C-alpha atoms as a PDB file:
ATOM      1  CA  UNK A   1       2.980  55.694   2.676  1.00  0.00           C
ATOM      2  CA  UNK A   2      -0.121  56.757   0.776  1.00  0.00           C
ATOM      3  CA  UNK A   3      -3.193  54.517   0.742  1.00  0.00           C
ATOM      4  CA  UNK A   4      -3.412  55.294  -2.986  1.00  0.00           C
ATOM      5  CA  UNK A   5      -0.693  52.719  -3.590  1.00  0.00           C
ATOM      6  CA  UNK A   6      -2.819  49.897  -2.146  1.00  0.00           C
ATOM      7  CA  UNK A   7      -5.655  50.396  -4.618  1.00  0.00           C
ATOM      8  CA  UNK A   8      -6.020  47.682  -7.244  1.00  0.00           C
ATOM      9  CA  UNK A   9      -6.518  48.622 -10.891  1.00  0.00           C
ATOM     10  CA  UNK A  10      -6.950  46.563 -14.047  1.00  0.00           C
ATOM     11  CA  UNK A  11      -4.939  47.318 -17.174  1.00  0.00           C
ATOM     12  CA  UNK A  12      -6.566  47.434 -20.614  1.00  0.00           C
ATOM     13  CA  UNK A  13      -5.238  43.936 -21.268  1.00  0.00           C
ATOM     14  CA  UNK A  14      -6.912  42.587 -18.120  1.00  0.00           C
ATOM     15  CA  UNK A  15      -3.986  42.422 -15.682  1.00  0.00           C
ATOM     16  CA  UNK A  16      -4.822  43.274 -12.076  1.00  0.00           C
ATOM     17  CA  UNK A  17      -2.202  45.220 -10.148  1.00  0.00           C
ATOM     18  CA  UNK A  18      -1.890  47.644  -7.271  1.00  0.00           C
ATOM     19  CA  UNK A  19      -0.315  51.068  -7.602  1.00  0.00           C
ATOM     20  CA  UNK A  20       2.821  50.391  -5.523  1.00  0.00           C
ATOM     21  CA  UNK A  21       4.988  50.841  -8.637  1.00  0.00           C
ATOM     22  CA  UNK A  22       4.051  54.548  -8.476  1.00  0.00           C
ATOM     23  CA  UNK A  23       5.898  55.002  -5.185  1.00  0.00           C
ATOM     24  CA  UNK A  24       8.656  57.567  -5.704  1.00  0.00           C
ATOM     25  CA  UNK A  25       7.146  58.713  -9.022  1.00  0.00           C
ATOM     26  CA  UNK A  26       4.968  61.648 -10.021  1.00  0.00           C
ATOM     27  CA  UNK A  27       1.650  60.503 -11.494  1.00  0.00           C
ATOM     28  CA  UNK A  28      -1.009  62.171 -13.621  1.00  0.00           C
ATOM     29  CA  UNK A  29      -4.391  60.421 -13.494  1.00  0.00           C
ATOM     30  CA  UNK A  30      -6.807  61.221 -16.342  1.00  0.00           C
ATOM     31  CA  UNK A  31     -10.304  59.953 -17.099  1.00  0.00           C
ATOM     32  CA  UNK A  32     -10.290  59.648 -20.880  1.00  0.00           C
ATOM     33  CA  UNK A  33     -12.711  59.053 -23.760  1.00  0.00           C
ATOM     34  CA  UNK A  34     -12.239  58.328 -27.454  1.00  0.00           C
ATOM     35  CA  UNK A  35     -15.197  60.296 -28.828  1.00  0.00           C
ATOM     36  CA  UNK A  36     -14.940  63.534 -26.863  1.00  0.00           C
ATOM     37  CA  UNK A  37     -14.113  67.060 -27.963  1.00  0.00           C
ATOM     38  CA  UNK A  38     -11.108  66.835 -25.631  1.00  0.00           C
ATOM     39  CA  UNK A  39      -9.863  63.541 -27.131  1.00  0.00           C
ATOM     40  CA  UNK A  40      -7.011  65.342 -28.977  1.00  0.00           C
ATOM     41  CA  UNK A  41      -5.507  65.865 -25.503  1.00  0.00           C
ATOM     42  CA  UNK A  42      -4.227  62.285 -25.851  1.00  0.00           C
ATOM     43  CA  UNK A  43      -1.460  63.755 -28.037  1.00  0.00           C
ATOM     44  CA  UNK A  44      -0.478  66.272 -25.366  1.00  0.00           C
ATOM     45  CA  UNK A  45      -0.599  63.643 -22.635  1.00  0.00           C
ATOM     46  CA  UNK A  46       1.685  61.403 -24.686  1.00  0.00           C
ATOM     47  CA  UNK A  47       4.136  64.294 -25.267  1.00  0.00           C
ATOM     48  CA  UNK A  48       4.178  65.073 -21.552  1.00  0.00           C
ATOM     49  CA  UNK A  49       4.773  61.409 -20.759  1.00  0.00           C
ATOM     50  CA  UNK A  50       7.562  61.073 -23.331  1.00  0.00           C
ATOM     51  CA  UNK A  51       9.266  64.237 -22.094  1.00  0.00           C
ATOM     52  CA  UNK A  52       9.267  63.348 -18.394  1.00  0.00           C
ATOM     53  CA  UNK A  53       8.927  59.561 -18.070  1.00  0.00           C
ATOM     54  CA  UNK A  54      12.686  59.053 -17.663  1.00  0.00           C
ATOM     55  CA  UNK A  55      12.612  61.581 -14.800  1.00  0.00           C
ATOM     56  CA  UNK A  56       9.814  59.727 -13.015  1.00  0.00           C
ATOM     57  CA  UNK A  57       6.456  60.785 -14.489  1.00  0.00           C
ATOM     58  CA  UNK A  58       3.726  58.238 -15.123  1.00  0.00           C
ATOM     59  CA  UNK A  59       0.521  59.207 -16.945  1.00  0.00           C
ATOM     60  CA  UNK A  60      -2.389  56.855 -16.231  1.00  0.00           C
ATOM     61  CA  UNK A  61      -5.433  56.799 -18.488  1.00  0.00           C
ATOM     62  CA  UNK A  62      -8.780  55.552 -17.198  1.00  0.00           C
ATOM     63  CA  UNK A  63     -11.460  55.292 -19.910  1.00  0.00           C
ATOM     64  CA  UNK A  64     -14.912  56.316 -18.732  1.00  0.00           C
ATOM     65  CA  UNK A  65     -18.257  56.168 -20.552  1.00  0.00           C
ATOM     66  CA  UNK A  66     -20.215  58.305 -18.058  1.00  0.00           C
ATOM     67  CA  UNK A  67     -20.115  61.577 -19.998  1.00  0.00           C
ATOM     68  CA  UNK A  68     -22.244  61.593 -23.116  1.00  0.00           C
ATOM     69  CA  UNK A  69     -21.442  57.881 -23.717  1.00  0.00           C
ATOM     70  CA  UNK A  70     -18.199  59.050 -25.354  1.00  0.00           C
ATOM     71  CA  UNK A  71     -16.244  55.878 -24.574  1.00  0.00           C
ATOM     72  CA  UNK A  72     -18.514  53.097 -25.868  1.00  0.00           C
ATOM     73  CA  UNK A  73     -15.790  50.707 -27.051  1.00  0.00           C
ATOM     74  CA  UNK A  74     -14.374  47.537 -25.568  1.00  0.00           C
ATOM     75  CA  UNK A  75     -10.944  47.517 -23.938  1.00  0.00           C
ATOM     76  CA  UNK A  76      -9.501  46.121 -27.185  1.00  0.00           C
ATOM     77  CA  UNK A  77     -11.144  48.863 -29.273  1.00  0.00           C
ATOM     78  CA  UNK A  78      -9.948  51.554 -26.861  1.00  0.00           C
ATOM     79  CA  UNK A  79      -6.367  50.243 -26.990  1.00  0.00           C
ATOM     80  CA  UNK A  80      -6.434  50.161 -30.794  1.00  0.00           C
ATOM     81  CA  UNK A  81      -7.851  53.670 -31.024  1.00  0.00           C
ATOM     82  CA  UNK A  82      -5.263  55.147 -28.642  1.00  0.00           C
ATOM     83  CA  UNK A  83      -2.342  53.426 -30.353  1.00  0.00           C
ATOM     84  CA  UNK A  84      -3.440  54.116 -33.929  1.00  0.00           C
ATOM     85  CA  UNK A  85      -4.574  57.721 -33.522  1.00  0.00           C
ATOM     86  CA  UNK A  86      -2.282  59.079 -30.818  1.00  0.00           C
ATOM     87  CA  UNK A  87       0.587  56.622 -30.361  1.00  0.00           C
ATOM     88  CA  UNK A  88      -0.298  56.311 -26.678  1.00  0.00           C
ATOM     89  CA  UNK A  89       2.407  54.454 -24.776  1.00  0.00           C
ATOM     90  CA  UNK A  90       1.483  55.462 -21.228  1.00  0.00           C
ATOM     91  CA  UNK A  91      -0.428  52.947 -19.081  1.00  0.00           C
ATOM     92  CA  UNK A  92      -4.105  52.610 -19.953  1.00  0.00           C
ATOM     93  CA  UNK A  93      -6.620  50.874 -17.724  1.00  0.00           C
ATOM     94  CA  UNK A  94      -9.970  49.164 -18.065  1.00  0.00           C
ATOM     95  CA  UNK A  95     -13.099  51.264 -18.309  1.00  0.00           C
ATOM     96  CA  UNK A  96     -14.351  52.564 -14.953  1.00  0.00           C
ATOM     97  CA  UNK A  97     -16.919  54.859 -13.387  1.00  0.00           C
ATOM     98  CA  UNK A  98     -15.595  58.072 -11.854  1.00  0.00           C
ATOM     99  CA  UNK A  99     -18.908  59.230 -10.358  1.00  0.00           C
ATOM    100  CA  UNK A 100     -21.893  57.592  -8.703  1.00  0.00           C
ATOM    101  CA  UNK A 101     -22.340  54.416  -6.667  1.00  0.00           C
ATOM    102  CA  UNK A 102     -19.857  52.386  -8.742  1.00  0.00           C
ATOM    103  CA  UNK A 103     -17.035  54.951  -8.590  1.00  0.00           C
ATOM    104  CA  UNK A 104     -13.704  53.135  -8.817  1.00  0.00           C
ATOM    105  CA  UNK A 105     -11.651  53.322  -5.574  1.00  0.00           C
ATOM    106  CA  UNK A 106      -8.885  55.267  -7.385  1.00  0.00           C
ATOM    107  CA  UNK A 107     -11.330  58.055  -8.151  1.00  0.00           C
ATOM    108  CA  UNK A 108     -12.935  57.884  -4.701  1.00  0.00           C
ATOM    109  CA  UNK A 109      -9.458  58.579  -3.328  1.00  0.00           C
ATOM    110  CA  UNK A 110      -8.473  61.282  -5.844  1.00  0.00           C
ATOM    111  CA  UNK A 111     -11.768  63.182  -5.535  1.00  0.00           C
ATOM    112  CA  UNK A 112     -11.665  62.965  -1.740  1.00  0.00           C
ATOM    113  CA  UNK A 113      -8.172  64.449  -1.657  1.00  0.00           C
ATOM    114  CA  UNK A 114      -8.715  67.297  -4.169  1.00  0.00           C
ATOM    115  CA  UNK A 115     -12.145  68.789  -4.527  1.00  0.00           C
ATOM    116  CA  UNK A 116     -13.236  70.542  -7.689  1.00  0.00           C
ATOM    117  CA  UNK A 117     -14.780  73.932  -8.302  1.00  0.00           C
ATOM    118  CA  UNK A 118     -16.917  75.153  -5.398  1.00  0.00           C
ATOM    119  CA  UNK A 119     -15.804  72.184  -3.278  1.00  0.00           C
ATOM    120  CA  UNK A 120     -17.538  69.508  -5.293  1.00  0.00           C
ATOM    121  CA  UNK A 121     -16.015  66.048  -5.533  1.00  0.00           C
ATOM    122  CA  UNK A 122     -17.903  65.144  -8.686  1.00  0.00           C
ATOM    123  CA  UNK A 123     -15.937  64.796 -11.924  1.00  0.00           C
ATOM    124  CA  UNK A 124     -17.488  67.228 -14.401  1.00  0.00           C
ATOM    125  CA  UNK A 125     -16.367  65.676 -17.715  1.00  0.00           C
ATOM    126  CA  UNK A 126     -13.772  63.612 -19.551  1.00  0.00           C
ATOM    127  CA  UNK A 127     -10.097  64.569 -19.249  1.00  0.00           C
ATOM    128  CA  UNK A 128     -10.229  65.828 -15.666  1.00  0.00           C
ATOM    129  CA  UNK A 129      -6.651  65.440 -14.399  1.00  0.00           C
ATOM    130  CA  UNK A 130      -5.144  64.788 -10.981  1.00  0.00           C
ATOM    131  CA  UNK A 131      -1.438  65.397 -10.330  1.00  0.00           C
ATOM    132  CA  UNK A 132       0.041  63.236  -7.565  1.00  0.00           C
ATOM    133  CA  UNK A 133       3.497  63.746  -6.076  1.00  0.00           C
ATOM    134  CA  UNK A 134       6.114  61.060  -5.460  1.00  0.00           C
ATOM    135  CA  UNK A 135       4.696  60.394  -1.978  1.00  0.00           C
ATOM    136  CA  UNK A 136       1.170  59.723  -3.240  1.00  0.00           C
ATOM    137  CA  UNK A 137      -0.218  63.123  -2.227  1.00  0.00           C
ATOM    138  CA  UNK A 138      -2.738  64.648  -4.635  1.00  0.00           C
ATOM    139  CA  UNK A 139      -1.340  68.125  -5.244  1.00  0.00           C
ATOM    140  CA  UNK A 140      -3.574  69.513  -7.982  1.00  0.00           C
ATOM    141  CA  UNK A 141      -6.800  68.886  -9.871  1.00  0.00           C
ATOM    142  CA  UNK A 142      -7.172  70.256 -13.395  1.00  0.00           C
ATOM    143  CA  UNK A 143     -10.324  70.945 -15.385  1.00  0.00           C
ATOM    144  CA  UNK A 144     -10.988  69.061 -18.638  1.00  0.00           C
ATOM    145  CA  UNK A 145     -10.178  72.247 -20.544  1.00  0.00           C
ATOM    146  CA  UNK A 146      -6.647  72.370 -19.085  1.00  0.00           C
ATOM    147  CA  UNK A 147      -4.295  71.271 -21.834  1.00  0.00           C
ATOM    148  CA  UNK A 148      -1.536  68.815 -20.879  1.00  0.00           C
ATOM    149  CA  UNK A 149       1.196  71.183 -22.102  1.00  0.00           C
ATOM    150  CA  UNK A 150       0.103  73.778 -19.535  1.00  0.00           C
ATOM    151  CA  UNK A 151       0.667  71.211 -16.750  1.00  0.00           C
ATOM    152  CA  UNK A 152       4.332  70.673 -17.710  1.00  0.00           C
ATOM    153  CA  UNK A 153       5.710  73.292 -15.314  1.00  0.00           C
ATOM    154  CA  UNK A 154       3.784  71.783 -12.380  1.00  0.00           C
ATOM    155  CA  UNK A 155       5.102  68.329 -13.310  1.00  0.00           C
ATOM    156  CA  UNK A 156       8.691  69.602 -13.621  1.00  0.00           C
ATOM    157  CA  UNK A 157       8.537  71.160 -10.123  1.00  0.00           C
ATOM    158  CA  UNK A 158       7.624  67.790  -8.606  1.00  0.00           C
ATOM    159  CA  UNK A 159      10.296  65.738 -10.389  1.00  0.00           C
END
């Protein structure tokens, strides 16, 4: 069993939970922001989630304000923005750090398992994506520029 499943996260509405409900499912972890040039990717992430959720895909959004202060809102404001502008129905979590001394344990794990360009662990920008298989193994890391629709074939192979 993957140690990823033991990590505790907090949902946007303040509920604490571990990731054991991801066991047996394919997961896509994304650090998101509401005021970023990549923010329209929310629509593609939602489409991907809608298309594959019944087959076992979970998309998990983690707001982060570390890149150009592009996620300044409260959890309530973030939830409202995502719902109103993109109809987001996939699980969203409380704002976290993905780099630096306060990096959330989820991102410590993801970055440790799949390095970025030139072997760096550091997250470069908003909308970096990590694809995790049904056993909790991180199989791929995608750049912020990678559109969710181009990930669909990788997701389908894992389902």
